[in-house]
Amino acid sequence: MQGVERLTQKTDNSQFSFEGHPNNTTKVHLQTLYSFGFRSVCFGVQDYNIRVQKAIHRIQPFENVKNVTEWAREIGYTSIGHDIIYGLPFQSLSDVKTTLAKTTMLQPDRIAFYSYAHVPWRKGNGQRGFQDSDLPTAAAKKIHYETGKTVLKQQGYQDIGMDHFAYPTDSLALAAKNGSLHRNFMGYTASKAGLLLGLGVSSISDSWTGFAQNVKSIEAYEHLITHNIIPLDQGHILTEKDLCIRKHILNLMCSFQTSWNNLEDYIPELESITKRLEVMETDGLVKISSKKLLVTPKGRPFIRNICMAFDLYLHKQKMETPLFSMTV
C-alpha cells in the first residue's frame, strides 16, 4: 500500500475494500488496512456445516467469522460483507437456513448469496473432495436460493442486482436506488471505475478497453516481478462491438434493463439476441420492445441466463468441455 500511495494520488472520495479469510485475518490486519483508508471488508463464509466445509477444503468455525466481523465493526469499517454459497456438496436446505441464521445474527451490511461454481475441469483437485452425486440437484438448488432470498428479505436486506443483498443504508443499496451501481470482476461496487488494477497471482485487470490476467503460479509471478516484468498471462482487447455488448450486459446486471435508442448502442446482432430471448419473454421473464429490453421481477433470478444471450463469443463456441460453471 505504501508503494501504491507513492505512485498514485488519492481522490477525496476514494474507497478501499478487501476480501479477508476469517481464519487468518487478524485485528492487526484490519487496523493496518483501516489506517490506509480501507472502510469495506468482505469475509468468505460459504457454509457452516463441517461436512460441507471438509468437502470444499474450507474449514472455519463460526467463532472465527464472529471475531473478525466484530473487530472490523469495532475498528470503524462502515461496510462489512459475508459471502454465502448455496448448491455446495452435501449441503441441505437445513444447512442453508442455519448458515443464514448465524450470518444474519452478526448483521453484516451486505451479503453475497452465490450459486456454487462447479468447474473441476478448471480448478483441478481443489474441488474434488466429493463426487458429482454429492451435489444438490438443480431443483434443490432452486429451493435453496428461493428460501435464502426470502430469509434475507425478512431480515431487512434488499435484493441488489445479481446475487447480492444489502441493508437499505449500505452504499450498494443506495447506489442501486440512485442508478450508480456498477459491477466488475470482484462483484458490485457503488460507483463506476474505468480502471481496475489486479495485484497478485491470477488477478484480473480491466482498462475498460481491455482485460488482462496475471500469471497463476506464485513462482512465475515472483520471477517476473523480480525482473521488473509485468506478470501478465493472457488478455483481450475489446472491439467496438465488445464494448457495446458489455454496456448492455452491465445495464442488465445493474438496473435490469437496457435500450438501444442511440446509434452507438445498436449492433446488427441485437436481432438474433432478442430472438434468443423470445422463450423467456413467453415465460414472463423479460419484456422486449423494438428498442428496449426489460427484466421482470419474475426474471431477476435468471439474470445470468438473460445476459448470456448477449454473449456473442459464447454462442460461437462449440466445445465439448465447457469453460464456465452452469448457471443452475
C-alpha atoms as a PDB file:
ATOM      1  CA  MET A   1       0.000   0.000   0.000  1.00  0.00           C
ATOM      2  CA  GLN A   2       2.903   2.367   0.672  1.00  0.00           C
ATOM      3  CA  GLY A   3       4.166   1.630  -2.831  1.00  0.00           C
ATOM      4  CA  VAL A   4       0.740   2.310  -4.335  1.00  0.00           C
ATOM      5  CA  GLU A   5       0.424   5.565  -2.412  1.00  0.00           C
ATOM      6  CA  ARG A   6       3.864   6.746  -3.553  1.00  0.00           C
ATOM      7  CA  LEU A   7       2.915   6.358  -7.210  1.00  0.00           C
ATOM      8  CA  THR A   8      -0.700   7.492  -7.165  1.00  0.00           C
ATOM      9  CA  GLN A   9      -2.809  10.359  -5.960  1.00  0.00           C
ATOM     10  CA  LYS A  10      -5.898   9.504  -3.949  1.00  0.00           C
ATOM     11  CA  THR A  11      -9.086  11.413  -4.636  1.00  0.00           C
ATOM     12  CA  ASP A  12     -11.013  12.943  -1.757  1.00  0.00           C
ATOM     13  CA  ASN A  13     -13.780  10.357  -2.166  1.00  0.00           C
ATOM     14  CA  SER A  14     -11.521   7.326  -2.672  1.00  0.00           C
ATOM     15  CA  GLN A  15     -12.862   3.963  -1.485  1.00  0.00           C
ATOM     16  CA  PHE A  16     -10.855   0.892  -0.499  1.00  0.00           C
ATOM     17  CA  SER A  17     -12.118  -2.591   0.205  1.00  0.00           C
ATOM     18  CA  PHE A  18     -10.595  -6.029   0.579  1.00  0.00           C
ATOM     19  CA  GLU A  19     -11.580  -9.660   1.000  1.00  0.00           C
ATOM     20  CA  GLY A  20     -10.379 -11.406   4.132  1.00  0.00           C
ATOM     21  CA  HIS A  21     -10.192 -15.054   5.155  1.00  0.00           C
ATOM     22  CA  PRO A  22     -11.859 -15.441   8.571  1.00  0.00           C
ATOM     23  CA  ASN A  23      -9.212 -17.935   9.700  1.00  0.00           C
ATOM     24  CA  ASN A  24      -6.157 -15.752   9.170  1.00  0.00           C
ATOM     25  CA  THR A  25      -7.362 -12.139   9.188  1.00  0.00           C
ATOM     26  CA  THR A  26      -6.143 -10.595  12.434  1.00  0.00           C
ATOM     27  CA  LYS A  27      -7.106  -7.448  14.261  1.00  0.00           C
ATOM     28  CA  VAL A  28      -3.711  -6.044  13.246  1.00  0.00           C
ATOM     29  CA  HIS A  29      -4.508  -6.688   9.557  1.00  0.00           C
ATOM     30  CA  LEU A  30      -7.816  -4.882   9.922  1.00  0.00           C
ATOM     31  CA  GLN A  31      -6.305  -1.953  11.831  1.00  0.00           C
ATOM     32  CA  THR A  32      -3.392  -1.572   9.393  1.00  0.00           C
ATOM     33  CA  LEU A  33      -5.615  -1.518   6.312  1.00  0.00           C
ATOM     34  CA  TYR A  34      -8.016   0.847   8.082  1.00  0.00           C
ATOM     35  CA  SER A  35      -5.110   3.252   8.567  1.00  0.00           C
ATOM     36  CA  PHE A  36      -4.634   3.268   4.770  1.00  0.00           C
ATOM     37  CA  GLY A  37      -8.257   4.228   4.229  1.00  0.00           C
ATOM     38  CA  PHE A  38      -9.981   0.851   3.906  1.00  0.00           C
ATOM     39  CA  ARG A  39     -13.583   1.034   5.110  1.00  0.00           C
ATOM     40  CA  SER A  40     -15.114  -2.019   3.445  1.00  0.00           C
ATOM     41  CA  VAL A  41     -14.271  -5.681   4.034  1.00  0.00           C
ATOM     42  CA  CYS A  42     -15.822  -8.955   2.906  1.00  0.00           C
ATOM     43  CA  PHE A  43     -15.345 -12.367   4.508  1.00  0.00           C
ATOM     44  CA  GLY A  44     -15.871 -15.664   2.692  1.00  0.00           C
ATOM     45  CA  VAL A  45     -18.145 -17.800   4.858  1.00  0.00           C
ATOM     46  CA  GLN A  46     -19.606 -20.294   2.328  1.00  0.00           C
ATOM     47  CA  ASP A  47     -21.373 -22.651   4.797  1.00  0.00           C
ATOM     48  CA  TYR A  48     -21.085 -23.622   8.477  1.00  0.00           C
ATOM     49  CA  ASN A  49     -21.739 -27.364   8.134  1.00  0.00           C
ATOM     50  CA  ILE A  50     -18.426 -29.112   8.892  1.00  0.00           C
ATOM     51  CA  ARG A  51     -19.074 -31.898   6.365  1.00  0.00           C
ATOM     52  CA  VAL A  52     -19.615 -29.328   3.634  1.00  0.00           C
ATOM     53  CA  GLN A  53     -16.531 -27.404   4.721  1.00  0.00           C
ATOM     54  CA  LYS A  54     -14.368 -30.526   4.556  1.00  0.00           C
ATOM     55  CA  ALA A  55     -15.620 -31.322   1.048  1.00  0.00           C
ATOM     56  CA  ILE A  56     -14.631 -27.880  -0.276  1.00  0.00           C
ATOM     57  CA  HIS A  57     -11.434 -27.680   1.821  1.00  0.00           C
ATOM     58  CA  ARG A  58     -12.615 -24.583   3.669  1.00  0.00           C
ATOM     59  CA  ILE A  59     -12.885 -25.342   7.382  1.00  0.00           C
ATOM     60  CA  GLN A  60     -13.625 -22.290   9.509  1.00  0.00           C
ATOM     61  CA  PRO A  61     -15.595 -22.116  12.773  1.00  0.00           C
ATOM     62  CA  PHE A  62     -18.389 -19.609  13.291  1.00  0.00           C
ATOM     63  CA  GLU A  63     -16.346 -18.138  16.144  1.00  0.00           C
ATOM     64  CA  ASN A  64     -13.639 -17.003  13.703  1.00  0.00           C
ATOM     65  CA  VAL A  65     -16.169 -15.235  11.488  1.00  0.00           C
ATOM     66  CA  LYS A  66     -17.787 -13.656  14.538  1.00  0.00           C
ATOM     67  CA  ASN A  67     -14.416 -12.369  15.769  1.00  0.00           C
ATOM     68  CA  VAL A  68     -13.313 -10.734  12.500  1.00  0.00           C
ATOM     69  CA  THR A  69     -16.771  -9.232  11.953  1.00  0.00           C
ATOM     70  CA  GLU A  70     -16.868  -7.686  15.415  1.00  0.00           C
ATOM     71  CA  TRP A  71     -13.256  -6.497  15.172  1.00  0.00           C
ATOM     72  CA  ALA A  72     -13.972  -4.758  11.867  1.00  0.00           C
ATOM     73  CA  ARG A  73     -17.040  -3.073  13.303  1.00  0.00           C
ATOM     74  CA  GLU A  74     -15.149  -2.046  16.436  1.00  0.00           C
ATOM     75  CA  ILE A  75     -12.302  -0.530  14.384  1.00  0.00           C
ATOM     76  CA  GLY A  76     -14.730   1.511  12.301  1.00  0.00           C
ATOM     77  CA  TYR A  77     -15.360  -0.299   8.998  1.00  0.00           C
ATOM     78  CA  THR A  78     -18.574   1.091   7.565  1.00  0.00           C
ATOM     79  CA  SER A  79     -19.419  -1.842   5.288  1.00  0.00           C
ATOM     80  CA  ILE A  80     -18.888  -5.460   6.304  1.00  0.00           C
ATOM     81  CA  GLY A  81     -19.904  -8.236   3.937  1.00  0.00           C
ATOM     82  CA  HIS A  82     -20.229 -12.009   4.080  1.00  0.00           C
ATOM     83  CA  ASP A  83     -20.133 -14.409   1.123  1.00  0.00           C
ATOM     84  CA  ILE A  84     -22.541 -17.359   1.347  1.00  0.00           C
ATOM     85  CA  ILE A  85     -22.730 -20.152  -1.235  1.00  0.00           C
ATOM     86  CA  TYR A  86     -25.649 -22.465  -1.990  1.00  0.00           C
ATOM     87  CA  GLY A  87     -25.513 -25.657  -4.051  1.00  0.00           C
ATOM     88  CA  LEU A  88     -22.410 -26.989  -2.273  1.00  0.00           C
ATOM     89  CA  PRO A  89     -21.688 -30.726  -1.959  1.00  0.00           C
ATOM     90  CA  PHE A  90     -23.620 -32.427   0.881  1.00  0.00           C
ATOM     91  CA  GLN A  91     -25.431 -29.139   1.556  1.00  0.00           C
ATOM     92  CA  SER A  92     -29.065 -29.446   2.580  1.00  0.00           C
ATOM     93  CA  LEU A  93     -31.817 -26.862   2.844  1.00  0.00           C
ATOM     94  CA  SER A  94     -31.384 -27.035   6.609  1.00  0.00           C
ATOM     95  CA  ASP A  95     -27.693 -26.158   6.203  1.00  0.00           C
ATOM     96  CA  VAL A  96     -28.579 -23.091   4.133  1.00  0.00           C
ATOM     97  CA  LYS A  97     -31.090 -21.947   6.754  1.00  0.00           C
ATOM     98  CA  THR A  98     -28.618 -22.499   9.599  1.00  0.00           C
ATOM     99  CA  THR A  99     -25.809 -20.650   7.816  1.00  0.00           C
ATOM    100  CA  LEU A 100     -28.062 -17.692   7.034  1.00  0.00           C
ATOM    101  CA  ALA A 101     -29.400 -17.633  10.605  1.00  0.00           C
ATOM    102  CA  LYS A 102     -25.871 -17.419  12.004  1.00  0.00           C
ATOM    103  CA  THR A 103     -24.897 -14.882   9.359  1.00  0.00           C
ATOM    104  CA  THR A 104     -27.814 -12.522   9.941  1.00  0.00           C
ATOM    105  CA  MET A 105     -27.196 -12.767  13.687  1.00  0.00           C
ATOM    106  CA  LEU A 106     -23.900 -10.925  13.033  1.00  0.00           C
ATOM    107  CA  GLN A 107     -25.761  -8.361  10.873  1.00  0.00           C
ATOM    108  CA  PRO A 108     -23.243  -7.799   8.055  1.00  0.00           C
ATOM    109  CA  ASP A 109     -24.125  -4.751   5.975  1.00  0.00           C
ATOM    110  CA  ARG A 110     -24.182  -6.771   2.754  1.00  0.00           C
ATOM    111  CA  ILE A 111     -24.407 -10.435   1.833  1.00  0.00           C
ATOM    112  CA  ALA A 112     -23.422 -12.124  -1.417  1.00  0.00           C
ATOM    113  CA  PHE A 113     -25.531 -15.255  -1.909  1.00  0.00           C
ATOM    114  CA  TYR A 114     -23.733 -17.099  -4.704  1.00  0.00           C
ATOM    115  CA  SER A 115     -24.502 -20.287  -6.556  1.00  0.00           C
ATOM    116  CA  TYR A 116     -21.643 -22.798  -6.247  1.00  0.00           C
ATOM    117  CA  ALA A 117     -19.475 -22.815  -9.387  1.00  0.00           C
ATOM    118  CA  HIS A 118     -18.669 -26.452 -10.126  1.00  0.00           C
ATOM    119  CA  VAL A 119     -15.771 -26.278 -12.574  1.00  0.00           C
ATOM    120  CA  PRO A 120     -13.453 -29.214 -11.755  1.00  0.00           C
ATOM    121  CA  TRP A 121     -12.027 -29.101 -15.293  1.00  0.00           C
ATOM    122  CA  ARG A 122     -10.542 -25.675 -14.441  1.00  0.00           C
ATOM    123  CA  LYS A 123      -9.969 -25.903 -10.708  1.00  0.00           C
ATOM    124  CA  GLY A 124      -8.300 -29.302 -10.539  1.00  0.00           C
ATOM    125  CA  ASN A 125      -8.318 -31.270  -7.301  1.00  0.00           C
ATOM    126  CA  GLY A 126      -9.339 -28.315  -5.154  1.00  0.00           C
ATOM    127  CA  GLN A 127     -12.976 -29.045  -5.865  1.00  0.00           C
ATOM    128  CA  ARG A 128     -12.733 -32.808  -5.735  1.00  0.00           C
ATOM    129  CA  GLY A 129     -13.357 -33.735  -2.110  1.00  0.00           C
ATOM    130  CA  PHE A 130     -16.643 -35.262  -3.282  1.00  0.00           C
ATOM    131  CA  GLN A 131     -18.469 -36.939  -6.150  1.00  0.00           C
ATOM    132  CA  ASP A 132     -20.827 -35.256  -8.613  1.00  0.00           C
ATOM    133  CA  SER A 133     -23.640 -37.229  -6.992  1.00  0.00           C
ATOM    134  CA  ASP A 134     -22.955 -35.390  -3.705  1.00  0.00           C
ATOM    135  CA  LEU A 135     -24.068 -32.090  -5.248  1.00  0.00           C
ATOM    136  CA  PRO A 136     -27.665 -30.898  -4.795  1.00  0.00           C
ATOM    137  CA  THR A 137     -29.908 -31.261  -7.833  1.00  0.00           C
ATOM    138  CA  ALA A 138     -30.918 -28.225  -9.874  1.00  0.00           C
ATOM    139  CA  ALA A 139     -34.378 -28.404  -8.310  1.00  0.00           C
ATOM    140  CA  ALA A 140     -32.864 -28.449  -4.808  1.00  0.00           C
ATOM    141  CA  LYS A 141     -30.586 -25.501  -5.634  1.00  0.00           C
ATOM    142  CA  LYS A 142     -33.614 -23.528  -6.795  1.00  0.00           C
ATOM    143  CA  ILE A 143     -35.296 -24.142  -3.451  1.00  0.00           C
ATOM    144  CA  HIS A 144     -32.073 -23.202  -1.626  1.00  0.00           C
ATOM    145  CA  TYR A 145     -31.935 -19.893  -3.486  1.00  0.00           C
ATOM    146  CA  GLU A 146     -35.602 -19.018  -3.081  1.00  0.00           C
ATOM    147  CA  THR A 147     -35.550 -19.894   0.622  1.00  0.00           C
ATOM    148  CA  GLY A 148     -32.365 -17.902   1.195  1.00  0.00           C
ATOM    149  CA  LYS A 149     -33.746 -14.904  -0.647  1.00  0.00           C
ATOM    150  CA  THR A 150     -36.913 -14.990   1.467  1.00  0.00           C
ATOM    151  CA  VAL A 151     -34.924 -15.239   4.707  1.00  0.00           C
ATOM    152  CA  LEU A 152     -32.674 -12.320   3.775  1.00  0.00           C
ATOM    153  CA  LYS A 153     -35.605 -10.098   2.814  1.00  0.00           C
ATOM    154  CA  GLN A 154     -37.344 -10.955   6.076  1.00  0.00           C
ATOM    155  CA  GLN A 155     -34.195  -9.818   7.886  1.00  0.00           C
ATOM    156  CA  GLY A 156     -34.327  -6.411   6.191  1.00  0.00           C
ATOM    157  CA  TYR A 157     -31.907  -6.958   3.302  1.00  0.00           C
ATOM    158  CA  GLN A 158     -32.693  -5.576  -0.141  1.00  0.00           C
ATOM    159  CA  ASP A 159     -32.139  -7.545  -3.338  1.00  0.00           C
ATOM    160  CA  ILE A 160     -29.297  -5.766  -5.149  1.00  0.00           C
ATOM    161  CA  GLY A 161     -28.710  -6.742  -8.745  1.00  0.00           C
ATOM    162  CA  MET A 162     -27.428 -10.289  -9.205  1.00  0.00           C
ATOM    163  CA  ASP A 163     -26.786 -12.461  -6.111  1.00  0.00           C
ATOM    164  CA  HIS A 164     -26.198  -9.532  -3.705  1.00  0.00           C
ATOM    165  CA  PHE A 165     -28.248  -8.301  -0.764  1.00  0.00           C
ATOM    166  CA  ALA A 166     -27.670  -5.227   1.392  1.00  0.00           C
ATOM    167  CA  TYR A 167     -29.201  -3.193   4.174  1.00  0.00           C
ATOM    168  CA  PRO A 168     -31.012  -0.082   2.846  1.00  0.00           C
ATOM    169  CA  THR A 169     -28.357   2.113   4.486  1.00  0.00           C
ATOM    170  CA  ASP A 170     -25.415   0.357   2.769  1.00  0.00           C
ATOM    171  CA  SER A 171     -23.713   2.104  -0.134  1.00  0.00           C
ATOM    172  CA  LEU A 172     -24.700  -0.706  -2.550  1.00  0.00           C
ATOM    173  CA  ALA A 173     -28.384  -0.286  -1.774  1.00  0.00           C
ATOM    174  CA  LEU A 174     -28.100   3.490  -2.138  1.00  0.00           C
ATOM    175  CA  ALA A 175     -26.236   3.075  -5.455  1.00  0.00           C
ATOM    176  CA  ALA A 176     -28.907   0.709  -6.761  1.00  0.00           C
ATOM    177  CA  LYS A 177     -31.524   3.281  -5.823  1.00  0.00           C
ATOM    178  CA  ASN A 178     -29.817   6.260  -7.491  1.00  0.00           C
ATOM    179  CA  GLY A 179     -28.616   4.389 -10.585  1.00  0.00           C
ATOM    180  CA  SER A 180     -24.851   4.441  -9.926  1.00  0.00           C
ATOM    181  CA  LEU A 181     -24.453   0.711  -9.250  1.00  0.00           C
ATOM    182  CA  HIS A 182     -21.605  -0.945 -11.176  1.00  0.00           C
ATOM    183  CA  ARG A 183     -20.254  -4.475 -11.483  1.00  0.00           C
ATOM    184  CA  ASN A 184     -16.702  -5.612 -12.109  1.00  0.00           C
ATOM    185  CA  PHE A 185     -14.779  -8.889 -11.729  1.00  0.00           C
ATOM    186  CA  MET A 186     -14.976  -8.659  -7.945  1.00  0.00           C
ATOM    187  CA  GLY A 187     -18.718  -8.052  -7.771  1.00  0.00           C
ATOM    188  CA  TYR A 188     -20.867  -4.945  -7.337  1.00  0.00           C
ATOM    189  CA  THR A 189     -19.492  -1.530  -6.460  1.00  0.00           C
ATOM    190  CA  ALA A 190     -21.249   1.699  -5.533  1.00  0.00           C
ATOM    191  CA  SER A 191     -19.659   3.668  -8.373  1.00  0.00           C
ATOM    192  CA  LYS A 192     -18.251   3.067 -11.824  1.00  0.00           C
ATOM    193  CA  ALA A 193     -14.489   2.982 -12.364  1.00  0.00           C
ATOM    194  CA  GLY A 194     -12.919   2.770 -15.804  1.00  0.00           C
ATOM    195  CA  LEU A 195      -9.706   1.262 -14.474  1.00  0.00           C
ATOM    196  CA  LEU A 196      -9.308  -1.794 -12.255  1.00  0.00           C
ATOM    197  CA  LEU A 197      -5.790  -2.910 -11.332  1.00  0.00           C
ATOM    198  CA  GLY A 198      -5.387  -6.505 -10.225  1.00  0.00           C
ATOM    199  CA  LEU A 199      -2.489  -7.040  -7.828  1.00  0.00           C
ATOM    200  CA  GLY A 200      -1.253 -10.570  -7.157  1.00  0.00           C
ATOM    201  CA  VAL A 201      -1.338 -14.039  -8.646  1.00  0.00           C
ATOM    202  CA  SER A 202      -4.153 -14.727 -11.188  1.00  0.00           C
ATOM    203  CA  SER A 203      -5.811 -11.339 -10.577  1.00  0.00           C
ATOM    204  CA  ILE A 204      -7.563  -9.641 -13.481  1.00  0.00           C
ATOM    205  CA  SER A 205      -7.089  -6.022 -14.511  1.00  0.00           C
ATOM    206  CA  ASP A 206      -9.567  -4.031 -16.556  1.00  0.00           C
ATOM    207  CA  SER A 207      -8.637  -0.900 -18.516  1.00  0.00           C
ATOM    208  CA  TRP A 208     -12.224  -0.760 -19.876  1.00  0.00           C
ATOM    209  CA  THR A 209     -10.987  -1.341 -23.423  1.00  0.00           C
ATOM    210  CA  GLY A 210      -9.038  -4.459 -22.446  1.00  0.00           C
ATOM    211  CA  PHE A 211      -8.767  -7.274 -19.911  1.00  0.00           C
ATOM    212  CA  ALA A 212      -5.523  -8.806 -18.652  1.00  0.00           C
ATOM    213  CA  GLN A 213      -4.935 -11.644 -16.196  1.00  0.00           C
ATOM    214  CA  ASN A 214      -1.769 -12.178 -14.190  1.00  0.00           C
ATOM    215  CA  VAL A 215       0.080 -15.497 -14.218  1.00  0.00           C
ATOM    216  CA  LYS A 216      -1.385 -18.137 -11.903  1.00  0.00           C
ATOM    217  CA  SER A 217       1.835 -19.572 -10.480  1.00  0.00           C
ATOM    218  CA  ILE A 218       3.405 -17.926  -7.435  1.00  0.00           C
ATOM    219  CA  GLU A 219       6.885 -18.888  -8.646  1.00  0.00           C
ATOM    220  CA  ALA A 220       6.308 -17.392 -12.103  1.00  0.00           C
ATOM    221  CA  TYR A 221       4.785 -14.278 -10.576  1.00  0.00           C
ATOM    222  CA  GLU A 222       7.729 -13.707  -8.245  1.00  0.00           C
ATOM    223  CA  HIS A 223      10.220 -14.327 -11.052  1.00  0.00           C
ATOM    224  CA  LEU A 224       8.614 -11.779 -13.375  1.00  0.00           C
ATOM    225  CA  ILE A 225       8.159  -9.168 -10.646  1.00  0.00           C
ATOM    226  CA  THR A 226      11.779  -9.599  -9.560  1.00  0.00           C
ATOM    227  CA  HIS A 227      12.887  -8.897 -13.139  1.00  0.00           C
ATOM    228  CA  ASN A 228      10.622  -5.864 -13.396  1.00  0.00           C
ATOM    229  CA  ILE A 229       8.313  -7.534 -15.918  1.00  0.00           C
ATOM    230  CA  ILE A 230       4.559  -7.017 -15.767  1.00  0.00           C
ATOM    231  CA  PRO A 231       3.334 -10.554 -14.886  1.00  0.00           C
ATOM    232  CA  LEU A 232       0.620 -10.936 -17.496  1.00  0.00           C
ATOM    233  CA  ASP A 233      -0.532 -14.356 -18.647  1.00  0.00           C
ATOM    234  CA  GLN A 234      -3.359 -13.591 -21.058  1.00  0.00           C
ATOM    235  CA  GLY A 235      -5.666 -10.804 -22.122  1.00  0.00           C
ATOM    236  CA  HIS A 236      -8.170  -9.452 -24.606  1.00  0.00           C
ATOM    237  CA  ILE A 237      -8.529  -6.104 -26.343  1.00  0.00           C
ATOM    238  CA  LEU A 238     -12.192  -5.182 -26.669  1.00  0.00           C
ATOM    239  CA  THR A 239     -13.597  -4.263 -30.064  1.00  0.00           C
ATOM    240  CA  GLU A 240     -16.267  -1.592 -30.538  1.00  0.00           C
ATOM    241  CA  LYS A 241     -18.816  -4.400 -30.693  1.00  0.00           C
ATOM    242  CA  ASP A 242     -17.443  -5.894 -27.443  1.00  0.00           C
ATOM    243  CA  LEU A 243     -17.832  -2.538 -25.714  1.00  0.00           C
ATOM    244  CA  CYS A 244     -21.411  -2.220 -26.913  1.00  0.00           C
ATOM    245  CA  ILE A 245     -22.282  -5.713 -25.701  1.00  0.00           C
ATOM    246  CA  ARG A 246     -20.528  -5.028 -22.410  1.00  0.00           C
ATOM    247  CA  LYS A 247     -22.626  -1.920 -21.888  1.00  0.00           C
ATOM    248  CA  HIS A 248     -25.867  -3.846 -22.398  1.00  0.00           C
ATOM    249  CA  ILE A 249     -24.803  -6.647 -20.045  1.00  0.00           C
ATOM    250  CA  LEU A 250     -23.805  -4.167 -17.331  1.00  0.00           C
ATOM    251  CA  ASN A 251     -27.109  -2.326 -17.756  1.00  0.00           C
ATOM    252  CA  LEU A 252     -28.989  -5.573 -17.235  1.00  0.00           C
ATOM    253  CA  MET A 253     -26.880  -6.671 -14.252  1.00  0.00           C
ATOM    254  CA  CYS A 254     -27.130  -3.306 -12.517  1.00  0.00           C
ATOM    255  CA  SER A 255     -30.572  -1.974 -13.436  1.00  0.00           C
ATOM    256  CA  PHE A 256     -32.368  -4.932 -15.058  1.00  0.00           C
ATOM    257  CA  GLN A 257     -32.983  -3.094 -18.297  1.00  0.00           C
ATOM    258  CA  THR A 258     -31.176  -1.854 -21.370  1.00  0.00           C
ATOM    259  CA  SER A 259     -32.044   0.014 -24.548  1.00  0.00           C
ATOM    260  CA  TRP A 260     -30.577   0.835 -27.942  1.00  0.00           C
ATOM    261  CA  ASN A 261     -32.237   4.120 -28.814  1.00  0.00           C
ATOM    262  CA  ASN A 262     -28.889   5.663 -29.719  1.00  0.00           C
ATOM    263  CA  LEU A 263     -26.853   4.572 -32.727  1.00  0.00           C
ATOM    264  CA  GLU A 264     -23.782   3.788 -30.606  1.00  0.00           C
ATOM    265  CA  ASP A 265     -25.844   1.293 -28.578  1.00  0.00           C
ATOM    266  CA  TYR A 266     -27.062  -0.637 -31.609  1.00  0.00           C
ATOM    267  CA  ILE A 267     -25.408  -3.592 -33.323  1.00  0.00           C
ATOM    268  CA  PRO A 268     -26.994  -5.813 -36.014  1.00  0.00           C
ATOM    269  CA  GLU A 269     -26.690  -8.860 -33.725  1.00  0.00           C
ATOM    270  CA  LEU A 270     -29.391  -7.435 -31.435  1.00  0.00           C
ATOM    271  CA  GLU A 271     -31.963  -9.065 -33.698  1.00  0.00           C
ATOM    272  CA  SER A 272     -30.582 -12.553 -33.029  1.00  0.00           C
ATOM    273  CA  ILE A 273     -30.035 -11.701 -29.349  1.00  0.00           C
ATOM    274  CA  THR A 274     -33.669 -10.749 -28.779  1.00  0.00           C
ATOM    275  CA  LYS A 275     -34.759 -13.802 -30.746  1.00  0.00           C
ATOM    276  CA  ARG A 276     -32.851 -15.995 -28.289  1.00  0.00           C
ATOM    277  CA  LEU A 277     -34.867 -14.361 -25.511  1.00  0.00           C
ATOM    278  CA  GLU A 278     -38.299 -14.997 -27.035  1.00  0.00           C
ATOM    279  CA  VAL A 279     -38.892 -18.117 -24.925  1.00  0.00           C
ATOM    280  CA  MET A 280     -38.037 -16.138 -21.791  1.00  0.00           C
ATOM    281  CA  GLU A 281     -40.491 -13.467 -22.899  1.00  0.00           C
ATOM    282  CA  THR A 282     -43.176 -16.133 -23.294  1.00  0.00           C
ATOM    283  CA  ASP A 283     -42.382 -17.276 -19.739  1.00  0.00           C
ATOM    284  CA  GLY A 284     -42.775 -13.728 -18.450  1.00  0.00           C
ATOM    285  CA  LEU A 285     -39.111 -13.274 -17.543  1.00  0.00           C
ATOM    286  CA  VAL A 286     -38.422 -10.346 -19.894  1.00  0.00           C
ATOM    287  CA  LYS A 287     -40.316  -7.760 -21.910  1.00  0.00           C
ATOM    288  CA  ILE A 288     -38.934  -6.966 -25.352  1.00  0.00           C
ATOM    289  CA  SER A 289     -39.811  -3.934 -27.462  1.00  0.00           C
ATOM    290  CA  SER A 290     -38.241  -2.628 -30.661  1.00  0.00           C
ATOM    291  CA  LYS A 291     -35.514  -0.714 -28.792  1.00  0.00           C
ATOM    292  CA  LYS A 292     -35.641  -1.885 -25.194  1.00  0.00           C
ATOM    293  CA  LEU A 293     -35.304  -4.968 -23.003  1.00  0.00           C
ATOM    294  CA  LEU A 294     -36.762  -5.067 -19.505  1.00  0.00           C
ATOM    295  CA  VAL A 295     -36.236  -7.866 -16.971  1.00  0.00           C
ATOM    296  CA  THR A 296     -39.381  -8.531 -14.946  1.00  0.00           C
ATOM    297  CA  PRO A 297     -39.315  -9.227 -11.188  1.00  0.00           C
ATOM    298  CA  LYS A 298     -40.016 -12.870 -12.072  1.00  0.00           C
ATOM    299  CA  GLY A 299     -36.983 -12.880 -14.367  1.00  0.00           C
ATOM    300  CA  ARG A 300     -34.441 -11.388 -11.958  1.00  0.00           C
ATOM    301  CA  PRO A 301     -33.239 -14.755 -10.579  1.00  0.00           C
ATOM    302  CA  PHE A 302     -32.377 -15.675 -14.197  1.00  0.00           C
ATOM    303  CA  ILE A 303     -30.360 -12.546 -14.978  1.00  0.00           C
ATOM    304  CA  ARG A 304     -27.226 -14.606 -15.760  1.00  0.00           C
ATOM    305  CA  ASN A 305     -29.119 -16.621 -18.365  1.00  0.00           C
ATOM    306  CA  ILE A 306     -30.556 -13.447 -19.855  1.00  0.00           C
ATOM    307  CA  CYS A 307     -27.114 -11.845 -20.116  1.00  0.00           C
ATOM    308  CA  MET A 308     -25.742 -14.995 -21.735  1.00  0.00           C
ATOM    309  CA  ALA A 309     -27.980 -14.297 -24.723  1.00  0.00           C
ATOM    310  CA  PHE A 310     -25.824 -11.215 -25.362  1.00  0.00           C
ATOM    311  CA  ASP A 311     -22.523 -13.132 -25.227  1.00  0.00           C
ATOM    312  CA  LEU A 312     -21.615 -13.460 -28.888  1.00  0.00           C
ATOM    313  CA  TYR A 313     -18.428 -15.407 -28.138  1.00  0.00           C
ATOM    314  CA  LEU A 314     -20.348 -17.935 -26.070  1.00  0.00           C
ATOM    315  CA  HIS A 315     -22.693 -18.678 -28.952  1.00  0.00           C
ATOM    316  CA  LYS A 316     -19.825 -19.058 -31.405  1.00  0.00           C
ATOM    317  CA  GLN A 317     -18.056 -21.637 -29.277  1.00  0.00           C
ATOM    318  CA  LYS A 318     -18.718 -25.281 -29.984  1.00  0.00           C
ATOM    319  CA  MET A 319     -16.640 -27.149 -27.433  1.00  0.00           C
ATOM    320  CA  GLU A 320     -17.081 -30.482 -25.764  1.00  0.00           C
ATOM    321  CA  THR A 321     -15.738 -29.157 -22.453  1.00  0.00           C
ATOM    322  CA  PRO A 322     -17.428 -26.030 -21.059  1.00  0.00           C
ATOM    323  CA  LEU A 323     -15.308 -23.144 -19.842  1.00  0.00           C
ATOM    324  CA  PHE A 324     -17.591 -21.965 -17.086  1.00  0.00           C
ATOM    325  CA  SER A 325     -19.963 -23.329 -14.467  1.00  0.00           C
ATOM    326  CA  MET A 326     -23.629 -23.899 -15.151  1.00  0.00           C
ATOM    327  CA  THR A 327     -25.995 -21.146 -14.024  1.00  0.00           C
ATOM    328  CA  VAL A 328     -28.144 -23.612 -12.062  1.00  0.00           C
END
